[in-house]
N, C-alpha and C. Protein backbone atom coordinates (compact mmCIF):
# COMPACT_ATOMS: atom_id res chain seq x y z
N MET A 1 0.85 -1.18 0.00
CA MET A 1 0.00 0.00 0.00
C MET A 1 0.89 1.24 0.00
N ARG A 2 0.58 2.16 -0.88
CA ARG A 2 1.34 3.41 -0.96
C ARG A 2 0.73 4.45 -0.03
N THR A 3 1.60 5.24 0.57
CA THR A 3 1.12 6.35 1.39
C THR A 3 1.63 7.65 0.80
N LEU A 4 0.86 8.70 0.99
CA LEU A 4 1.22 10.03 0.54
C LEU A 4 1.84 10.77 1.73
N GLU A 5 3.02 11.31 1.55
CA GLU A 5 3.68 12.03 2.64
C GLU A 5 3.13 13.45 2.75
N MET A 6 2.61 13.76 3.92
CA MET A 6 2.07 15.08 4.21
C MET A 6 2.62 15.50 5.58
N TRP A 7 2.18 16.67 6.04
CA TRP A 7 2.62 17.18 7.34
C TRP A 7 1.41 17.57 8.17
N SER A 8 1.51 17.29 9.46
CA SER A 8 0.46 17.64 10.41
C SER A 8 0.95 18.79 11.29
N LEU A 9 0.18 19.86 11.30
CA LEU A 9 0.45 21.01 12.15
C LEU A 9 -0.58 20.97 13.27
N VAL A 10 -0.11 20.96 14.52
CA VAL A 10 -1.01 20.94 15.67
C VAL A 10 -0.70 22.14 16.55
N ILE A 11 -1.73 22.91 16.86
CA ILE A 11 -1.59 24.11 17.67
C ILE A 11 -2.39 23.90 18.95
N ARG A 12 -1.74 24.03 20.09
CA ARG A 12 -2.41 23.86 21.39
C ARG A 12 -2.55 25.22 22.06
N ILE A 13 -3.78 25.60 22.35
CA ILE A 13 -4.06 26.88 23.01
C ILE A 13 -5.19 26.66 24.01
N LYS A 14 -5.63 27.73 24.66
CA LYS A 14 -6.81 27.67 25.52
C LYS A 14 -7.98 28.34 24.80
N ARG A 15 -9.16 27.87 25.09
CA ARG A 15 -10.37 28.33 24.40
C ARG A 15 -10.56 29.85 24.47
N ASN A 16 -10.27 30.45 25.60
CA ASN A 16 -10.52 31.88 25.78
C ASN A 16 -9.35 32.77 25.39
N ASP A 17 -8.29 32.21 24.82
CA ASP A 17 -7.14 33.02 24.40
C ASP A 17 -7.58 34.05 23.36
N THR A 18 -7.08 35.27 23.52
CA THR A 18 -7.40 36.34 22.57
C THR A 18 -6.13 37.01 22.08
N PHE A 19 -6.25 37.65 20.92
CA PHE A 19 -5.18 38.44 20.33
C PHE A 19 -5.85 39.66 19.70
N LYS A 20 -5.51 40.83 20.20
CA LYS A 20 -6.12 42.09 19.73
C LYS A 20 -7.64 42.03 19.77
N GLY A 21 -8.17 41.46 20.86
CA GLY A 21 -9.61 41.45 21.08
C GLY A 21 -10.39 40.34 20.38
N LYS A 22 -9.72 39.48 19.63
CA LYS A 22 -10.40 38.39 18.92
C LYS A 22 -9.92 37.05 19.46
N ARG A 23 -10.79 36.05 19.40
CA ARG A 23 -10.41 34.71 19.83
C ARG A 23 -9.32 34.16 18.91
N VAL A 24 -8.28 33.61 19.53
CA VAL A 24 -7.12 33.11 18.78
C VAL A 24 -7.51 32.03 17.80
N HIS A 25 -8.38 31.10 18.19
CA HIS A 25 -8.71 30.01 17.26
C HIS A 25 -9.41 30.54 16.01
N ASN A 26 -10.21 31.58 16.13
CA ASN A 26 -10.85 32.16 14.94
C ASN A 26 -9.83 32.86 14.04
N ILE A 27 -8.87 33.55 14.64
CA ILE A 27 -7.81 34.21 13.87
C ILE A 27 -7.00 33.16 13.12
N VAL A 28 -6.63 32.09 13.82
CA VAL A 28 -5.83 31.02 13.19
C VAL A 28 -6.61 30.39 12.03
N LEU A 29 -7.90 30.13 12.21
CA LEU A 29 -8.69 29.56 11.11
C LEU A 29 -8.73 30.50 9.90
N ASP A 30 -8.83 31.80 10.15
CA ASP A 30 -8.80 32.77 9.05
C ASP A 30 -7.47 32.74 8.31
N ILE A 31 -6.37 32.64 9.06
CA ILE A 31 -5.04 32.56 8.45
C ILE A 31 -4.92 31.29 7.60
N LEU A 32 -5.42 30.19 8.12
CA LEU A 32 -5.36 28.92 7.39
C LEU A 32 -6.16 28.98 6.09
N LYS A 33 -7.36 29.56 6.15
CA LYS A 33 -8.18 29.70 4.94
C LYS A 33 -7.49 30.59 3.92
N LYS A 34 -6.96 31.72 4.40
CA LYS A 34 -6.26 32.66 3.51
C LYS A 34 -5.04 32.00 2.86
N GLY A 35 -4.39 31.10 3.60
CA GLY A 35 -3.22 30.39 3.10
C GLY A 35 -3.56 29.18 2.25
N LYS A 36 -4.86 28.99 1.96
CA LYS A 36 -5.34 27.89 1.12
C LYS A 36 -4.96 26.51 1.67
N ILE A 37 -4.97 26.41 3.00
CA ILE A 37 -4.75 25.11 3.65
C ILE A 37 -6.00 24.27 3.40
N SER A 38 -5.79 22.99 3.10
CA SER A 38 -6.89 22.10 2.69
C SER A 38 -8.03 22.03 3.69
N GLY A 39 -7.73 22.04 4.96
CA GLY A 39 -8.77 21.96 5.97
C GLY A 39 -8.16 21.98 7.36
N ALA A 40 -8.99 22.23 8.35
CA ALA A 40 -8.53 22.27 9.74
C ALA A 40 -9.65 21.78 10.64
N THR A 41 -9.27 21.20 11.75
CA THR A 41 -10.22 20.76 12.76
C THR A 41 -9.83 21.38 14.08
N VAL A 42 -10.81 21.92 14.79
CA VAL A 42 -10.59 22.45 16.14
C VAL A 42 -11.20 21.45 17.12
N TRP A 43 -10.35 20.93 17.99
CA TRP A 43 -10.77 19.95 18.99
C TRP A 43 -10.82 20.63 20.36
N THR A 44 -11.87 20.36 21.11
CA THR A 44 -11.98 20.86 22.47
C THR A 44 -11.58 19.76 23.44
N GLY A 45 -10.64 20.07 24.32
CA GLY A 45 -10.22 19.12 25.34
C GLY A 45 -11.05 19.29 26.60
N VAL A 46 -11.07 18.25 27.42
CA VAL A 46 -11.82 18.27 28.66
C VAL A 46 -11.03 18.97 29.75
N ALA A 47 -9.73 18.70 29.80
CA ALA A 47 -8.87 19.30 30.82
C ALA A 47 -7.43 19.18 30.37
N GLY A 48 -6.56 19.96 30.98
CA GLY A 48 -5.15 19.89 30.68
C GLY A 48 -4.37 20.83 31.57
N TYR A 49 -3.05 20.81 31.42
CA TYR A 49 -2.21 21.75 32.13
C TYR A 49 -0.93 21.95 31.33
N GLY A 50 -0.24 23.04 31.61
CA GLY A 50 1.00 23.36 30.92
C GLY A 50 1.67 24.54 31.61
N ASN A 51 2.49 25.27 30.85
CA ASN A 51 3.22 26.40 31.41
C ASN A 51 2.32 27.44 32.06
N ARG A 52 1.12 27.62 31.52
CA ARG A 52 0.20 28.63 32.04
C ARG A 52 -0.78 28.06 33.06
N GLY A 53 -0.52 26.87 33.55
CA GLY A 53 -1.36 26.29 34.58
C GLY A 53 -2.42 25.38 34.03
N LYS A 54 -3.44 25.17 34.84
CA LYS A 54 -4.54 24.26 34.52
C LYS A 54 -5.44 24.86 33.44
N SER A 55 -5.98 24.00 32.57
CA SER A 55 -6.79 24.47 31.45
C SER A 55 -8.26 24.13 31.57
N ASN A 56 -8.77 24.05 32.76
CA ASN A 56 -10.22 23.91 32.88
C ASN A 56 -10.68 24.52 34.19
N PHE A 57 -11.91 24.87 34.22
CA PHE A 57 -12.53 25.46 35.40
C PHE A 57 -13.98 25.03 35.38
N GLN A 58 -14.44 24.42 36.45
CA GLN A 58 -15.80 23.88 36.47
C GLN A 58 -16.75 24.78 37.25
N ILE A 59 -17.86 25.12 36.62
CA ILE A 59 -18.95 25.84 37.27
C ILE A 59 -20.21 25.03 37.06
N GLU A 60 -20.67 24.37 38.10
CA GLU A 60 -21.88 23.54 38.02
C GLU A 60 -21.88 22.64 36.78
N GLY A 61 -20.77 21.94 36.56
CA GLY A 61 -20.68 20.98 35.47
C GLY A 61 -20.29 21.57 34.13
N ILE A 62 -20.12 22.89 34.04
CA ILE A 62 -19.73 23.52 32.78
C ILE A 62 -18.25 23.87 32.85
N SER A 63 -17.47 23.40 31.88
CA SER A 63 -16.04 23.71 31.84
C SER A 63 -15.81 25.00 31.07
N VAL A 64 -14.98 25.85 31.63
CA VAL A 64 -14.65 27.13 31.01
C VAL A 64 -13.15 27.16 30.72
N ASN A 65 -12.78 27.77 29.62
CA ASN A 65 -11.38 27.91 29.20
C ASN A 65 -10.67 26.57 29.06
N MET A 66 -11.32 25.67 28.36
CA MET A 66 -10.78 24.34 28.11
C MET A 66 -9.65 24.41 27.09
N PRO A 67 -8.81 23.40 27.06
CA PRO A 67 -7.77 23.37 26.04
C PRO A 67 -8.37 23.16 24.65
N LEU A 68 -7.76 23.78 23.64
CA LEU A 68 -8.15 23.60 22.25
C LEU A 68 -6.95 23.11 21.45
N LEU A 69 -7.21 22.24 20.51
CA LEU A 69 -6.20 21.81 19.55
C LEU A 69 -6.73 22.15 18.16
N ILE A 70 -5.89 22.78 17.37
CA ILE A 70 -6.22 23.05 15.97
C ILE A 70 -5.29 22.15 15.16
N GLU A 71 -5.87 21.28 14.35
CA GLU A 71 -5.09 20.31 13.60
C GLU A 71 -5.27 20.51 12.11
N VAL A 72 -4.15 20.49 11.39
CA VAL A 72 -4.12 20.70 9.95
C VAL A 72 -3.24 19.61 9.34
N ILE A 73 -3.63 19.09 8.19
CA ILE A 73 -2.76 18.19 7.44
C ILE A 73 -2.69 18.72 6.01
N ASP A 74 -1.46 19.00 5.57
CA ASP A 74 -1.28 19.56 4.23
C ASP A 74 0.19 19.40 3.83
N GLU A 75 0.54 19.99 2.69
CA GLU A 75 1.92 19.96 2.21
C GLU A 75 2.79 20.90 3.05
N LEU A 76 4.04 20.49 3.26
CA LEU A 76 4.95 21.27 4.09
C LEU A 76 5.12 22.69 3.58
N GLN A 77 5.24 22.87 2.29
CA GLN A 77 5.44 24.19 1.70
C GLN A 77 4.29 25.13 2.05
N LYS A 78 3.06 24.65 1.98
CA LYS A 78 1.90 25.49 2.31
C LYS A 78 1.88 25.83 3.80
N ILE A 79 2.21 24.86 4.64
CA ILE A 79 2.23 25.11 6.08
C ILE A 79 3.33 26.10 6.45
N GLU A 80 4.50 25.92 5.87
CA GLU A 80 5.62 26.83 6.18
C GLU A 80 5.31 28.28 5.79
N THR A 81 4.47 28.46 4.80
CA THR A 81 4.10 29.81 4.35
C THR A 81 3.31 30.57 5.41
N ILE A 82 2.41 29.88 6.11
CA ILE A 82 1.55 30.55 7.10
C ILE A 82 2.10 30.45 8.52
N LEU A 83 3.12 29.64 8.73
CA LEU A 83 3.64 29.40 10.08
C LEU A 83 4.14 30.65 10.80
N PRO A 84 4.88 31.56 10.15
CA PRO A 84 5.33 32.76 10.87
C PRO A 84 4.18 33.61 11.40
N GLU A 85 3.12 33.75 10.62
CA GLU A 85 1.98 34.54 11.06
C GLU A 85 1.27 33.87 12.24
N ILE A 86 1.16 32.55 12.20
CA ILE A 86 0.53 31.82 13.30
C ILE A 86 1.40 31.92 14.55
N LYS A 87 2.70 31.78 14.40
CA LYS A 87 3.62 31.88 15.55
C LYS A 87 3.50 33.26 16.21
N GLU A 88 3.33 34.29 15.42
CA GLU A 88 3.18 35.64 15.97
C GLU A 88 1.91 35.74 16.82
N ILE A 89 0.83 35.12 16.37
CA ILE A 89 -0.44 35.15 17.09
C ILE A 89 -0.36 34.31 18.37
N ILE A 90 0.22 33.13 18.29
CA ILE A 90 0.29 32.21 19.42
C ILE A 90 1.32 32.69 20.44
N GLY A 91 2.47 33.16 19.97
CA GLY A 91 3.53 33.60 20.88
C GLY A 91 3.91 32.52 21.87
N ASP A 92 4.02 32.89 23.13
CA ASP A 92 4.37 31.95 24.19
C ASP A 92 3.12 31.41 24.89
N ASN A 93 1.95 31.70 24.34
CA ASN A 93 0.70 31.29 24.97
C ASN A 93 0.18 29.94 24.48
N GLY A 94 0.97 29.23 23.74
CA GLY A 94 0.53 27.93 23.25
C GLY A 94 1.72 27.13 22.78
N LEU A 95 1.43 26.04 22.13
CA LEU A 95 2.47 25.15 21.63
C LEU A 95 2.11 24.78 20.19
N ILE A 96 3.09 24.88 19.31
CA ILE A 96 2.90 24.54 17.90
C ILE A 96 3.84 23.38 17.58
N THR A 97 3.29 22.30 17.05
CA THR A 97 4.13 21.17 16.65
C THR A 97 3.87 20.84 15.18
N LEU A 98 4.89 20.26 14.56
CA LEU A 98 4.83 19.89 13.15
C LEU A 98 5.36 18.47 13.03
N HIS A 99 4.57 17.59 12.40
CA HIS A 99 4.92 16.17 12.31
C HIS A 99 4.72 15.67 10.89
N LYS A 100 5.63 14.85 10.42
CA LYS A 100 5.46 14.19 9.14
C LYS A 100 4.45 13.05 9.32
N VAL A 101 3.48 12.95 8.40
CA VAL A 101 2.48 11.89 8.48
C VAL A 101 2.32 11.22 7.12
N GLY A 102 1.85 10.01 7.14
CA GLY A 102 1.55 9.28 5.91
C GLY A 102 0.05 9.18 5.74
N ILE A 103 -0.45 9.59 4.60
CA ILE A 103 -1.88 9.52 4.31
C ILE A 103 -2.15 8.24 3.54
N VAL A 104 -3.08 7.44 4.00
CA VAL A 104 -3.39 6.15 3.38
C VAL A 104 -4.51 6.33 2.38
């Protein structure tokens, strides 16, 4: 079976993160669309922790400021084009990883 070599970009942030008054995940999705990235998925986590502490807060069963993952799979060249702009938005408030993947 042949696999197609692509790259996975994963961005870890918190749901309530903002940049210049806008939610970071919405800004990142706009950048991805503008960069003609094939598609993206935003995943909501239940809980987590990292450099900025715990990523959930419970109020009567409702979690606030949960962790978010934005996942993209595309060609490395396309991802590298939008990466500097995304890094500027995320700064030290999240984690960006890049992984080689095989598409079946």
